PDB file of N, CA and C in Angstrom:
ATOM      1  N   UNK A   1     134.616  92.072 115.641  1.00  0.00           N
ATOM      2  CA  UNK A   1     134.016  92.579 116.782  1.00  0.00           C
ATOM      3  C   UNK A   1     132.520  93.184 116.320  1.00  0.00           C
ATOM      4  N   UNK A   2     131.785  93.041 117.331  1.00  0.00           N
ATOM      5  CA  UNK A   2     130.343  93.425 117.179  1.00  0.00           C
ATOM      6  C   UNK A   2     130.154  94.723 117.998  1.00  0.00           C
ATOM      7  N   UNK A   3     129.586  95.636 117.221  1.00  0.00           N
ATOM      8  CA  UNK A   3     129.343  96.817 117.852  1.00  0.00           C
ATOM      9  C   UNK A   3     127.809  96.983 118.482  1.00  0.00           C
ATOM     10  N   UNK A   4     127.802  97.404 119.621  1.00  0.00           N
ATOM     11  CA  UNK A   4     126.713  97.448 120.350  1.00  0.00           C
ATOM     12  C   UNK A   4     125.781  98.852 119.565  1.00  0.00           C
ATOM     13  N   UNK A   5     124.595  98.920 119.231  1.00  0.00           N
ATOM     14  CA  UNK A   5     123.848  99.609 118.449  1.00  0.00           C
ATOM     15  C   UNK A   5     123.058 100.085 119.742  1.00  0.00           C
ATOM     16  N   UNK A   6     123.023 101.696 119.846  1.00  0.00           N
ATOM     17  CA  UNK A   6     122.295 102.202 120.989  1.00  0.00           C
ATOM     18  C   UNK A   6     120.745 102.104 120.643  1.00  0.00           C
ATOM     19  N   UNK A   7     120.384 101.839 121.527  1.00  0.00           N
ATOM     20  CA  UNK A   7     118.649 101.709 121.218  1.00  0.00           C
ATOM     21  C   UNK A   7     118.191 103.073 121.041  1.00  0.00           C
ATOM     22  N   UNK A   8     117.114 103.254 119.827  1.00  0.00           N
ATOM     23  CA  UNK A   8     116.806 104.467 119.302  1.00  0.00           C
ATOM     24  C   UNK A   8     115.728 105.004 120.519  1.00  0.00           C
ATOM     25  N   UNK A   9     115.933 106.201 120.271  1.00  0.00           N
ATOM     26  CA  UNK A   9     115.135 107.441 121.070  1.00  0.00           C
ATOM     27  C   UNK A   9     113.488 107.288 120.658  1.00  0.00           C
ATOM     28  N   UNK A  10     112.808 107.129 121.451  1.00  0.00           N
ATOM     29  CA  UNK A  10     111.442 106.876 121.556  1.00  0.00           C
ATOM     30  C   UNK A  10     110.841 108.382 121.211  1.00  0.00           C
ATOM     31  N   UNK A  11     110.274 109.145 120.214  1.00  0.00           N
ATOM     32  CA  UNK A  11     109.631 109.731 120.470  1.00  0.00           C
ATOM     33  C   UNK A  11     108.533 110.618 120.868  1.00  0.00           C
ATOM     34  N   UNK A  12     107.878 111.491 121.334  1.00  0.00           N
ATOM     35  CA  UNK A  12     106.782 111.524 122.027  1.00  0.00           C
ATOM     36  C   UNK A  12     105.754 111.747 120.630  1.00  0.00           C
ATOM     37  N   UNK A  13     104.573 111.259 120.901  1.00  0.00           N
ATOM     38  CA  UNK A  13     103.580 111.180 119.875  1.00  0.00           C
ATOM     39  C   UNK A  13     103.036 112.665 119.858  1.00  0.00           C
ATOM     40  N   UNK A  14     102.934 112.899 118.546  1.00  0.00           N
ATOM     41  CA  UNK A  14     102.493 114.468 118.031  1.00  0.00           C
ATOM     42  C   UNK A  14     100.985 114.277 118.269  1.00  0.00           C
ATOM     43  N   UNK A  15     100.419 115.211 118.788  1.00  0.00           N
ATOM     44  CA  UNK A  15      99.113 115.601 119.275  1.00  0.00           C
ATOM     45  C   UNK A  15      98.526 116.324 117.964  1.00  0.00           C
ATOM     46  N   UNK A  16      98.027 115.367 117.006  1.00  0.00           N
ATOM     47  CA  UNK A  16      97.745 115.902 115.513  1.00  0.00           C
ATOM     48  C   UNK A  16      96.595 116.844 115.470  1.00  0.00           C
ATOM     49  N   UNK A  17      95.464 116.670 116.552  1.00  0.00           N
ATOM     50  CA  UNK A  17      94.571 117.441 116.794  1.00  0.00           C
ATOM     51  C   UNK A  17      94.607 118.872 117.145  1.00  0.00           C
ATOM     52  N   UNK A  18      95.941 119.051 117.790  1.00  0.00           N
ATOM     53  CA  UNK A  18      96.052 120.200 118.281  1.00  0.00           C
ATOM     54  C   UNK A  18      96.883 121.337 117.244  1.00  0.00           C
ATOM     55  N   UNK A  19      96.260 122.436 117.408  1.00  0.00           N
ATOM     56  CA  UNK A  19      96.340 123.509 116.068  1.00  0.00           C
ATOM     57  C   UNK A  19      97.920 123.932 116.412  1.00  0.00           C
ATOM     58  N   UNK A  20      98.719 124.549 115.226  1.00  0.00           N
ATOM     59  CA  UNK A  20      99.788 124.713 115.132  1.00  0.00           C
ATOM     60  C   UNK A  20      99.840 126.185 115.707  1.00  0.00           C
ATOM     61  N   UNK A  21     101.043 126.329 116.194  1.00  0.00           N
ATOM     62  CA  UNK A  21     101.310 127.653 116.963  1.00  0.00           C
ATOM     63  C   UNK A  21     101.574 128.672 116.052  1.00  0.00           C
ATOM     64  N   UNK A  22     100.479 130.034 116.256  1.00  0.00           N
ATOM     65  CA  UNK A  22     100.572 131.146 115.390  1.00  0.00           C
ATOM     66  C   UNK A  22     101.813 132.237 115.687  1.00  0.00           C
ATOM     67  N   UNK A  23     102.720 131.894 116.146  1.00  0.00           N
ATOM     68  CA  UNK A  23     103.932 132.795 116.479  1.00  0.00           C
ATOM     69  C   UNK A  23     105.008 132.489 115.720  1.00  0.00           C
ATOM     70  N   UNK A  24     105.711 133.473 115.587  1.00  0.00           N
ATOM     71  CA  UNK A  24     106.958 133.654 114.534  1.00  0.00           C
ATOM     72  C   UNK A  24     108.499 133.296 115.448  1.00  0.00           C
ATOM     73  N   UNK A  25     109.145 132.687 114.267  1.00  0.00           N
ATOM     74  CA  UNK A  25     110.530 132.290 115.075  1.00  0.00           C
ATOM     75  C   UNK A  25     111.367 133.415 114.930  1.00  0.00           C
ATOM     76  N   UNK A  26     112.527 133.101 115.235  1.00  0.00           N
ATOM     77  CA  UNK A  26     113.724 134.640 115.189  1.00  0.00           C
ATOM     78  C   UNK A  26     113.973 135.000 113.451  1.00  0.00           C
ATOM     79  N   UNK A  27     113.792 133.829 112.916  1.00  0.00           N
ATOM     80  CA  UNK A  27     113.907 134.112 111.407  1.00  0.00           C
ATOM     81  C   UNK A  27     112.680 134.557 110.670  1.00  0.00           C
ATOM     82  N   UNK A  28     111.794 134.766 111.675  1.00  0.00           N
ATOM     83  CA  UNK A  28     110.528 135.385 110.693  1.00  0.00           C
ATOM     84  C   UNK A  28     109.638 134.362 110.347  1.00  0.00           C
ATOM     85  N   UNK A  29     109.976 132.821 110.419  1.00  0.00           N
ATOM     86  CA  UNK A  29     108.982 131.987 109.852  1.00  0.00           C
ATOM     87  C   UNK A  29     108.260 131.616 110.834  1.00  0.00           C
ATOM     88  N   UNK A  30     106.842 130.773 110.282  1.00  0.00           N
ATOM     89  CA  UNK A  30     105.883 130.402 111.304  1.00  0.00           C
ATOM     90  C   UNK A  30     106.487 129.481 112.344  1.00  0.00           C
ATOM     91  N   UNK A  31     106.050 129.373 113.442  1.00  0.00           N
ATOM     92  CA  UNK A  31     106.442 128.357 114.541  1.00  0.00           C
ATOM     93  C   UNK A  31     105.619 127.164 113.682  1.00  0.00           C
ATOM     94  N   UNK A  32     106.558 126.087 114.305  1.00  0.00           N
ATOM     95  CA  UNK A  32     105.752 124.741 113.746  1.00  0.00           C
ATOM     96  C   UNK A  32     105.551 124.122 115.016  1.00  0.00           C
ATOM     97  N   UNK A  33     105.762 124.405 115.966  1.00  0.00           N
ATOM     98  CA  UNK A  33     105.431 123.479 117.430  1.00  0.00           C
ATOM     99  C   UNK A  33     103.740 123.655 117.468  1.00  0.00           C
ATOM    100  N   UNK A  34     103.111 122.664 118.325  1.00  0.00           N
ATOM    101  CA  UNK A  34     101.996 122.647 118.551  1.00  0.00           C
ATOM    102  C   UNK A  34     101.259 123.447 119.537  1.00  0.00           C
ATOM    103  N   UNK A  35     100.188 123.817 119.731  1.00  0.00           N
ATOM    104  CA  UNK A  35      99.758 124.597 120.778  1.00  0.00           C
ATOM    105  C   UNK A  35      99.482 124.131 122.045  1.00  0.00           C
ATOM    106  N   UNK A  36      99.739 124.502 123.303  1.00  0.00           N
ATOM    107  CA  UNK A  36      99.662 123.708 124.489  1.00  0.00           C
ATOM    108  C   UNK A  36      98.038 123.667 124.875  1.00  0.00           C
ATOM    109  N   UNK A  37      97.605 122.718 125.577  1.00  0.00           N
ATOM    110  CA  UNK A  37      96.240 122.650 126.413  1.00  0.00           C
ATOM    111  C   UNK A  37      96.086 123.320 127.761  1.00  0.00           C
ATOM    112  N   UNK A  38      95.162 123.869 127.477  1.00  0.00           N
ATOM    113  CA  UNK A  38      94.595 124.669 129.027  1.00  0.00           C
ATOM    114  C   UNK A  38      94.363 123.241 129.965  1.00  0.00           C
ATOM    115  N   UNK A  39      95.062 123.666 131.180  1.00  0.00           N
ATOM    116  CA  UNK A  39      94.661 122.334 132.164  1.00  0.00           C
ATOM    117  C   UNK A  39      93.459 122.511 132.770  1.00  0.00           C
ATOM    118  N   UNK A  40      92.878 123.894 132.979  1.00  0.00           N
ATOM    119  CA  UNK A  40      91.644 124.140 133.443  1.00  0.00           C
ATOM    120  C   UNK A  40      90.130 123.653 132.674  1.00  0.00           C
ATOM    121  N   UNK A  41      90.331 124.506 131.498  1.00  0.00           N
ATOM    122  CA  UNK A  41      89.167 124.195 130.511  1.00  0.00           C
ATOM    123  C   UNK A  41      89.160 123.111 129.659  1.00  0.00           C
ATOM    124  N   UNK A  42      90.758 122.455 129.362  1.00  0.00           N
ATOM    125  CA  UNK A  42      90.696 121.601 128.144  1.00  0.00           C
ATOM    126  C   UNK A  42      90.950 122.300 126.820  1.00  0.00           C
ATOM    127  N   UNK A  43      90.842 123.491 126.696  1.00  0.00           N
ATOM    128  CA  UNK A  43      90.748 124.139 125.154  1.00  0.00           C
ATOM    129  C   UNK A  43      92.414 124.300 125.012  1.00  0.00           C
ATOM    130  N   UNK A  44      92.482 124.521 123.799  1.00  0.00           N
ATOM    131  CA  UNK A  44      93.981 124.904 123.120  1.00  0.00           C
ATOM    132  C   UNK A  44      94.266 126.422 123.497  1.00  0.00           C
ATOM    133  N   UNK A  45      95.268 126.631 123.611  1.00  0.00           N
ATOM    134  CA  UNK A  45      95.799 127.957 123.551  1.00  0.00           C
ATOM    135  C   UNK A  45      95.939 128.445 122.186  1.00  0.00           C
ATOM    136  N   UNK A  46      96.566 129.515 121.727  1.00  0.00           N
ATOM    137  CA  UNK A  46      96.952 130.231 120.461  1.00  0.00           C
ATOM    138  C   UNK A  46      98.332 130.022 120.155  1.00  0.00           C
ATOM    139  N   UNK A  47      98.853 129.936 121.220  1.00  0.00           N
ATOM    140  CA  UNK A  47     100.231 129.983 121.020  1.00  0.00           C
ATOM    141  C   UNK A  47     101.168 128.508 121.923  1.00  0.00           C
ATOM    142  N   UNK A  48     102.313 128.365 121.295  1.00  0.00           N
ATOM    143  CA  UNK A  48     103.094 127.323 121.900  1.00  0.00           C
ATOM    144  C   UNK A  48     103.560 128.049 123.269  1.00  0.00           C
ATOM    145  N   UNK A  49     104.223 127.159 124.176  1.00  0.00           N
ATOM    146  CA  UNK A  49     104.717 127.781 125.294  1.00  0.00           C
ATOM    147  C   UNK A  49     105.679 129.007 125.164  1.00  0.00           C
ATOM    148  N   UNK A  50     106.609 128.705 124.048  1.00  0.00           N
ATOM    149  CA  UNK A  50     107.605 129.621 123.689  1.00  0.00           C
ATOM    150  C   UNK A  50     107.248 130.934 123.455  1.00  0.00           C
ATOM    151  N   UNK A  51     106.263 131.275 122.643  1.00  0.00           N
ATOM    152  CA  UNK A  51     105.431 132.424 121.911  1.00  0.00           C
ATOM    153  C   UNK A  51     104.159 132.871 122.646  1.00  0.00           C
ATOM    154  N   UNK A  52     104.002 132.403 123.825  1.00  0.00           N
ATOM    155  CA  UNK A  52     102.900 132.659 124.701  1.00  0.00           C
ATOM    156  C   UNK A  52     103.208 134.233 124.912  1.00  0.00           C
ATOM    157  N   UNK A  53     102.136 135.122 124.446  1.00  0.00           N
ATOM    158  CA  UNK A  53     102.622 136.791 124.734  1.00  0.00           C
ATOM    159  C   UNK A  53     101.917 136.928 126.222  1.00  0.00           C
ATOM    160  N   UNK A  54     101.379 136.109 126.804  1.00  0.00           N
ATOM    161  CA  UNK A  54     100.948 136.275 128.271  1.00  0.00           C
ATOM    162  C   UNK A  54     102.030 135.959 129.337  1.00  0.00           C
ATOM    163  N   UNK A  55     102.880 134.968 128.975  1.00  0.00           N
ATOM    164  CA  UNK A  55     104.127 134.686 129.848  1.00  0.00           C
ATOM    165  C   UNK A  55     104.825 135.834 129.814  1.00  0.00           C
ATOM    166  N   UNK A  56     105.327 135.884 131.394  1.00  0.00           N
ATOM    167  CA  UNK A  56     106.162 137.183 131.636  1.00  0.00           C
ATOM    168  C   UNK A  56     107.846 136.649 131.038  1.00  0.00           C
ATOM    169  N   UNK A  57     108.540 137.918 130.508  1.00  0.00           N
ATOM    170  CA  UNK A  57     109.729 137.465 129.958  1.00  0.00           C
ATOM    171  C   UNK A  57     110.584 137.828 131.365  1.00  0.00           C
ATOM    172  N   UNK A  58     111.635 136.803 131.558  1.00  0.00           N
ATOM    173  CA  UNK A  58     112.433 136.671 132.503  1.00  0.00           C
ATOM    174  C   UNK A  58     113.466 138.041 132.357  1.00  0.00           C
ATOM    175  N   UNK A  59     113.732 138.764 133.157  1.00  0.00           N
ATOM    176  CA  UNK A  59     114.492 139.915 132.822  1.00  0.00           C
ATOM    177  C   UNK A  59     115.904 139.635 134.033  1.00  0.00           C
ATOM    178  N   UNK A  60     117.118 139.531 133.006  1.00  0.00           N
ATOM    179  CA  UNK A  60     118.236 139.133 133.576  1.00  0.00           C
ATOM    180  C   UNK A  60     119.050 140.110 134.355  1.00  0.00           C
ATOM    181  N   UNK A  61     119.210 140.129 135.680  1.00  0.00           N
ATOM    182  CA  UNK A  61     119.955 140.899 136.455  1.00  0.00           C
ATOM    183  C   UNK A  61     121.283 141.479 135.834  1.00  0.00           C
ATOM    184  N   UNK A  62     121.902 142.337 135.838  1.00  0.00           N
ATOM    185  CA  UNK A  62     123.351 142.403 135.485  1.00  0.00           C
ATOM    186  C   UNK A  62     124.185 142.020 136.438  1.00  0.00           C
ATOM    187  N   UNK A  63     125.149 141.621 136.404  1.00  0.00           N
ATOM    188  CA  UNK A  63     125.781 140.920 137.190  1.00  0.00           C
ATOM    189  C   UNK A  63     127.056 142.222 137.374  1.00  0.00           C
ATOM    190  N   UNK A  64     127.116 142.579 139.090  1.00  0.00           N
ATOM    191  CA  UNK A  64     128.006 143.601 139.064  1.00  0.00           C
ATOM    192  C   UNK A  64     129.540 142.906 139.612  1.00  0.00           C
ATOM    193  N   UNK A  65     130.579 143.141 138.951  1.00  0.00           N
ATOM    194  CA  UNK A  65     131.831 142.546 139.347  1.00  0.00           C
ATOM    195  C   UNK A  65     132.457 143.371 140.722  1.00  0.00           C
ATOM    196  N   UNK A  66     132.546 142.420 141.494  1.00  0.00           N
ATOM    197  CA  UNK A  66     133.161 142.857 143.073  1.00  0.00           C
ATOM    198  C   UNK A  66     134.647 143.144 142.666  1.00  0.00           C
ATOM    199  N   UNK A  67     134.924 144.460 142.705  1.00  0.00           N
ATOM    200  CA  UNK A  67     136.368 145.006 142.526  1.00  0.00           C
ATOM    201  C   UNK A  67     137.086 144.398 143.999  1.00  0.00           C
ATOM    202  N   UNK A  68     138.207 143.834 144.236  1.00  0.00           N
ATOM    203  CA  UNK A  68     138.950 144.066 145.266  1.00  0.00           C
ATOM    204  C   UNK A  68     139.551 145.316 145.708  1.00  0.00           C
ATOM    205  N   UNK A  69     139.485 145.582 147.221  1.00  0.00           N
ATOM    206  CA  UNK A  69     140.030 146.836 147.520  1.00  0.00           C
ATOM    207  C   UNK A  69     140.996 146.698 148.773  1.00  0.00           C
ATOM    208  N   UNK A  70     141.855 147.695 149.024  1.00  0.00           N
ATOM    209  CA  UNK A  70     142.440 147.167 150.187  1.00  0.00           C
ATOM    210  C   UNK A  70     141.720 147.429 151.594  1.00  0.00           C
ATOM    211  N   UNK A  71     142.136 146.661 152.437  1.00  0.00           N
ATOM    212  CA  UNK A  71     141.467 146.553 153.946  1.00  0.00           C
ATOM    213  C   UNK A  71     142.218 147.285 154.892  1.00  0.00           C
ATOM    214  N   UNK A  72     143.057 148.156 154.624  1.00  0.00           N
ATOM    215  CA  UNK A  72     144.041 148.880 155.428  1.00  0.00           C
ATOM    216  C   UNK A  72     144.359 150.555 154.762  1.00  0.00           C
ATOM    217  N   UNK A  73     144.710 151.507 155.548  1.00  0.00           N
ATOM    218  CA  UNK A  73     144.832 152.761 155.189  1.00  0.00           C
ATOM    219  C   UNK A  73     146.416 152.458 154.489  1.00  0.00           C
ATOM    220  N   UNK A  74     146.595 153.169 153.586  1.00  0.00           N
ATOM    221  CA  UNK A  74     148.273 153.223 152.766  1.00  0.00           C
ATOM    222  C   UNK A  74     149.011 153.338 153.663  1.00  0.00           C
ATOM    223  N   UNK A  75     150.188 152.946 153.376  1.00  0.00           N
ATOM    224  CA  UNK A  75     151.447 152.981 154.402  1.00  0.00           C
ATOM    225  C   UNK A  75     151.332 151.891 155.570  1.00  0.00           C
ATOM    226  N   UNK A  76     149.849 151.415 155.851  1.00  0.00           N
ATOM    227  CA  UNK A  76     149.886 150.175 156.734  1.00  0.00           C
ATOM    228  C   UNK A  76     149.889 148.982 156.473  1.00  0.00           C
ATOM    229  N   UNK A  77     150.031 148.146 157.173  1.00  0.00           N
ATOM    230  CA  UNK A  77     150.122 146.515 156.628  1.00  0.00           C
ATOM    231  C   UNK A  77     148.926 145.846 157.389  1.00  0.00           C
ATOM    232  N   UNK A  78     148.439 144.883 156.531  1.00  0.00           N
ATOM    233  CA  UNK A  78     147.295 144.020 157.137  1.00  0.00           C
ATOM    234  C   UNK A  78     147.771 142.619 156.425  1.00  0.00           C
ATOM    235  N   UNK A  79     148.049 141.705 157.331  1.00  0.00           N
ATOM    236  CA  UNK A  79     147.943 140.492 156.558  1.00  0.00           C
ATOM    237  C   UNK A  79     147.057 139.802 156.081  1.00  0.00           C
ATOM    238  N   UNK A  80     145.860 139.909 156.053  1.00  0.00           N
ATOM    239  CA  UNK A  80     144.957 139.718 155.700  1.00  0.00           C
ATOM    240  C   UNK A  80     144.184 140.235 154.446  1.00  0.00           C
ATOM    241  N   UNK A  81     144.794 141.445 154.019  1.00  0.00           N
ATOM    242  CA  UNK A  81     144.401 142.168 152.715  1.00  0.00           C
ATOM    243  C   UNK A  81     144.605 141.079 151.622  1.00  0.00           C
ATOM    244  N   UNK A  82     143.512 140.827 150.757  1.00  0.00           N
ATOM    245  CA  UNK A  82     143.322 139.793 149.562  1.00  0.00           C
ATOM    246  C   UNK A  82     144.088 140.641 148.444  1.00  0.00           C
ATOM    247  N   UNK A  83     143.939 142.110 148.199  1.00  0.00           N
ATOM    248  CA  UNK A  83     144.808 142.627 147.232  1.00  0.00           C
ATOM    249  C   UNK A  83     146.277 142.483 147.204  1.00  0.00           C
ATOM    250  N   UNK A  84     146.726 142.952 148.671  1.00  0.00           N
ATOM    251  CA  UNK A  84     147.842 142.610 148.459  1.00  0.00           C
ATOM    252  C   UNK A  84     148.444 141.231 148.652  1.00  0.00           C
ATOM    253  N   UNK A  85     147.696 140.591 149.137  1.00  0.00           N
ATOM    254  CA  UNK A  85     148.307 139.197 149.022  1.00  0.00           C
ATOM    255  C   UNK A  85     148.383 138.674 147.530  1.00  0.00           C
ATOM    256  N   UNK A  86     147.313 138.743 147.011  1.00  0.00           N
ATOM    257  CA  UNK A  86     147.769 138.737 145.112  1.00  0.00           C
ATOM    258  C   UNK A  86     148.570 139.472 144.610  1.00  0.00           C
ATOM    259  N   UNK A  87     148.512 140.671 144.534  1.00  0.00           N
ATOM    260  CA  UNK A  87     149.474 141.324 143.892  1.00  0.00           C
ATOM    261  C   UNK A  87     150.401 142.113 144.821  1.00  0.00           C
ATOM    262  N   UNK A  88     150.725 141.883 145.805  1.00  0.00           N
ATOM    263  CA  UNK A  88     152.033 142.390 146.490  1.00  0.00           C
ATOM    264  C   UNK A  88     151.272 144.193 146.880  1.00  0.00           C
ATOM    265  N   UNK A  89     152.032 144.529 147.462  1.00  0.00           N
ATOM    266  CA  UNK A  89     151.496 146.274 148.200  1.00  0.00           C
ATOM    267  C   UNK A  89     152.314 147.089 147.361  1.00  0.00           C
ATOM    268  N   UNK A  90     151.715 147.860 146.373  1.00  0.00           N
ATOM    269  CA  UNK A  90     152.548 148.681 145.895  1.00  0.00           C
ATOM    270  C   UNK A  90     152.918 149.986 146.308  1.00  0.00           C
ATOM    271  N   UNK A  91     152.331 150.233 147.620  1.00  0.00           N
ATOM    272  CA  UNK A  91     152.671 151.628 148.271  1.00  0.00           C
ATOM    273  C   UNK A  91     153.659 151.101 148.801  1.00  0.00           C
ATOM    274  N   UNK A  92     154.276 149.794 149.517  1.00  0.00           N
ATOM    275  CA  UNK A  92     155.223 149.475 150.579  1.00  0.00           C
ATOM    276  C   UNK A  92     156.620 150.166 149.904  1.00  0.00           C
ATOM    277  N   UNK A  93     157.312 150.976 150.781  1.00  0.00           N
ATOM    278  CA  UNK A  93     158.546 151.820 150.300  1.00  0.00           C
ATOM    279  C   UNK A  93     159.841 150.627 149.990  1.00  0.00           C
ATOM    280  N   UNK A  94     159.456 149.580 150.636  1.00  0.00           N
ATOM    281  CA  UNK A  94     160.671 148.290 150.808  1.00  0.00           C
ATOM    282  C   UNK A  94     160.242 147.597 149.713  1.00  0.00           C
ATOM    283  N   UNK A  95     159.559 147.567 148.710  1.00  0.00           N
ATOM    284  CA  UNK A  95     159.224 146.541 147.935  1.00  0.00           C
ATOM    285  C   UNK A  95     160.341 146.637 146.657  1.00  0.00           C
ATOM    286  N   UNK A  96     161.198 147.896 146.609  1.00  0.00           N
ATOM    287  CA  UNK A  96     162.308 147.777 145.522  1.00  0.00           C
ATOM    288  C   UNK A  96     163.284 147.295 145.982  1.00  0.00           C
ATOM    289  N   UNK A  97     163.437 146.878 147.446  1.00  0.00           N
ATOM    290  CA  UNK A  97     164.487 146.111 147.532  1.00  0.00           C
ATOM    291  C   UNK A  97     164.371 144.617 148.012  1.00  0.00           C
ATOM    292  N   UNK A  98     163.068 144.107 147.505  1.00  0.00           N
ATOM    293  CA  UNK A  98     162.746 142.894 147.609  1.00  0.00           C
ATOM    294  C   UNK A  98     163.486 141.750 146.696  1.00  0.00           C
ATOM    295  N   UNK A  99     163.917 140.651 147.325  1.00  0.00           N
ATOM    296  CA  UNK A  99     164.668 139.744 146.457  1.00  0.00           C
ATOM    297  C   UNK A  99     163.936 138.380 145.963  1.00  0.00           C
ATOM    298  N   UNK A 100     163.956 138.232 144.660  1.00  0.00           N
ATOM    299  CA  UNK A 100     162.958 137.405 144.199  1.00  0.00           C
ATOM    300  C   UNK A 100     163.833 136.369 143.668  1.00  0.00           C
ATOM    301  N   UNK A 101     163.291 134.929 143.545  1.00  0.00           N
ATOM    302  CA  UNK A 101     164.026 133.706 143.285  1.00  0.00           C
ATOM    303  C   UNK A 101     163.812 133.472 141.956  1.00  0.00           C
ATOM    304  N   UNK A 102     164.644 133.056 140.831  1.00  0.00           N
ATOM    305  CA  UNK A 102     164.217 132.472 139.757  1.00  0.00           C
ATOM    306  C   UNK A 102     164.576 131.144 139.495  1.00  0.00           C
ATOM    307  N   UNK A 103     164.286 130.235 138.605  1.00  0.00           N
ATOM    308  CA  UNK A 103     164.813 129.184 138.139  1.00  0.00           C
ATOM    309  C   UNK A 103     165.894 129.781 136.973  1.00  0.00           C
ATOM    310  N   UNK A 104     166.823 128.472 136.861  1.00  0.00           N
ATOM    311  CA  UNK A 104     167.912 128.996 136.035  1.00  0.00           C
ATOM    312  C   UNK A 104     167.460 129.460 134.357  1.00  0.00           C
ATOM    313  N   UNK A 105     166.358 128.828 134.081  1.00  0.00           N
ATOM    314  CA  UNK A 105     166.087 128.986 132.660  1.00  0.00           C
ATOM    315  C   UNK A 105     165.470 130.525 132.686  1.00  0.00           C
ATOM    316  N   UNK A 106     164.954 130.683 133.798  1.00  0.00           N
ATOM    317  CA  UNK A 106     164.339 132.289 133.779  1.00  0.00           C
ATOM    318  C   UNK A 106     165.617 133.290 133.694  1.00  0.00           C
ATOM    319  N   UNK A 107     166.659 132.826 134.634  1.00  0.00           N
ATOM    320  CA  UNK A 107     167.609 133.626 134.588  1.00  0.00           C
ATOM    321  C   UNK A 107     168.588 133.860 133.453  1.00  0.00           C
ATOM    322  N   UNK A 108     168.597 132.601 132.902  1.00  0.00           N
ATOM    323  CA  UNK A 108     169.333 132.728 131.311  1.00  0.00           C
ATOM    324  C   UNK A 108     168.364 133.669 130.414  1.00  0.00           C
ATOM    325  N   UNK A 109     167.109 133.576 130.541  1.00  0.00           N
ATOM    326  CA  UNK A 109     166.281 134.371 129.445  1.00  0.00           C
ATOM    327  C   UNK A 109     166.402 135.719 129.745  1.00  0.00           C
ATOM    328  N   UNK A 110     166.579 136.167 130.881  1.00  0.00           N
ATOM    329  CA  UNK A 110     166.588 137.374 131.101  1.00  0.00           C
ATOM    330  C   UNK A 110     167.940 138.045 130.747  1.00  0.00           C
ATOM    331  N   UNK A 111     169.096 137.180 131.464  1.00  0.00           N
ATOM    332  CA  UNK A 111     170.385 137.753 130.673  1.00  0.00           C
ATOM    333  C   UNK A 111     170.224 138.118 129.123  1.00  0.00           C
ATOM    334  N   UNK A 112     169.965 136.983 128.457  1.00  0.00           N
ATOM    335  CA  UNK A 112     169.732 137.037 127.155  1.00  0.00           C
ATOM    336  C   UNK A 112     168.806 138.236 126.518  1.00  0.00           C
ATOM    337  N   UNK A 113     167.977 138.585 127.155  1.00  0.00           N
ATOM    338  CA  UNK A 113     167.032 139.956 127.089  1.00  0.00           C
ATOM    339  C   UNK A 113     167.724 141.221 127.025  1.00  0.00           C
ATOM    340  N   UNK A 114     168.618 140.865 128.581  1.00  0.00           N
ATOM    341  CA  UNK A 114     169.424 142.462 128.917  1.00  0.00           C
ATOM    342  C   UNK A 114     170.586 142.581 127.821  1.00  0.00           C
ATOM    343  N   UNK A 115     170.974 141.711 127.312  1.00  0.00           N
ATOM    344  CA  UNK A 115     172.180 141.454 126.552  1.00  0.00           C
ATOM    345  C   UNK A 115     171.668 142.152 124.957  1.00  0.00           C
ATOM    346  N   UNK A 116     170.686 141.639 124.364  1.00  0.00           N
ATOM    347  CA  UNK A 116     170.134 141.986 123.275  1.00  0.00           C
ATOM    348  C   UNK A 116     169.618 143.723 123.396  1.00  0.00           C
ATOM    349  N   UNK A 117     169.237 143.909 124.404  1.00  0.00           N
ATOM    350  CA  UNK A 117     168.620 145.197 124.380  1.00  0.00           C
ATOM    351  C   UNK A 117     170.129 145.976 124.728  1.00  0.00           C
ATOM    352  N   UNK A 118     171.273 145.891 125.587  1.00  0.00           N
ATOM    353  CA  UNK A 118     172.394 146.444 125.481  1.00  0.00           C
ATOM    354  C   UNK A 118     173.089 146.606 124.593  1.00  0.00           C
ATOM    355  N   UNK A 119     173.336 145.554 123.400  1.00  0.00           N
ATOM    356  CA  UNK A 119     173.926 145.504 122.017  1.00  0.00           C
ATOM    357  C   UNK A 119     173.208 146.533 120.970  1.00  0.00           C
ATOM    358  N   UNK A 120     171.730 146.187 120.975  1.00  0.00           N
ATOM    359  CA  UNK A 120     171.266 147.267 120.148  1.00  0.00           C
ATOM    360  C   UNK A 120     170.952 148.750 120.478  1.00  0.00           C
TER     361      UNK A 120
END
């Protein structure tokens, strides 16, 4: 079987006459990137695009977590309340009388746990 070789990526030509950036990396080493060229004057800047001190730093806005809330008063029912639909209404007085269906594996496991607790 012949394996297909991927074509080699062509690298951008390095602008050898551009000065090296005067910035420092996070490790404290000198930056190895070349300086950018000003489009208007044609002169080189002292820093690469990453270390340009004139460039404004992006400020990340803190994301506020949207907490779900009930859309109704306690004791009332709202069929569109997302919190009640997801977790059930804890303030419903009839919640203890609810009947839940479980498959046989779950029932067997519950009985095993109950007997283990009763024995110990």
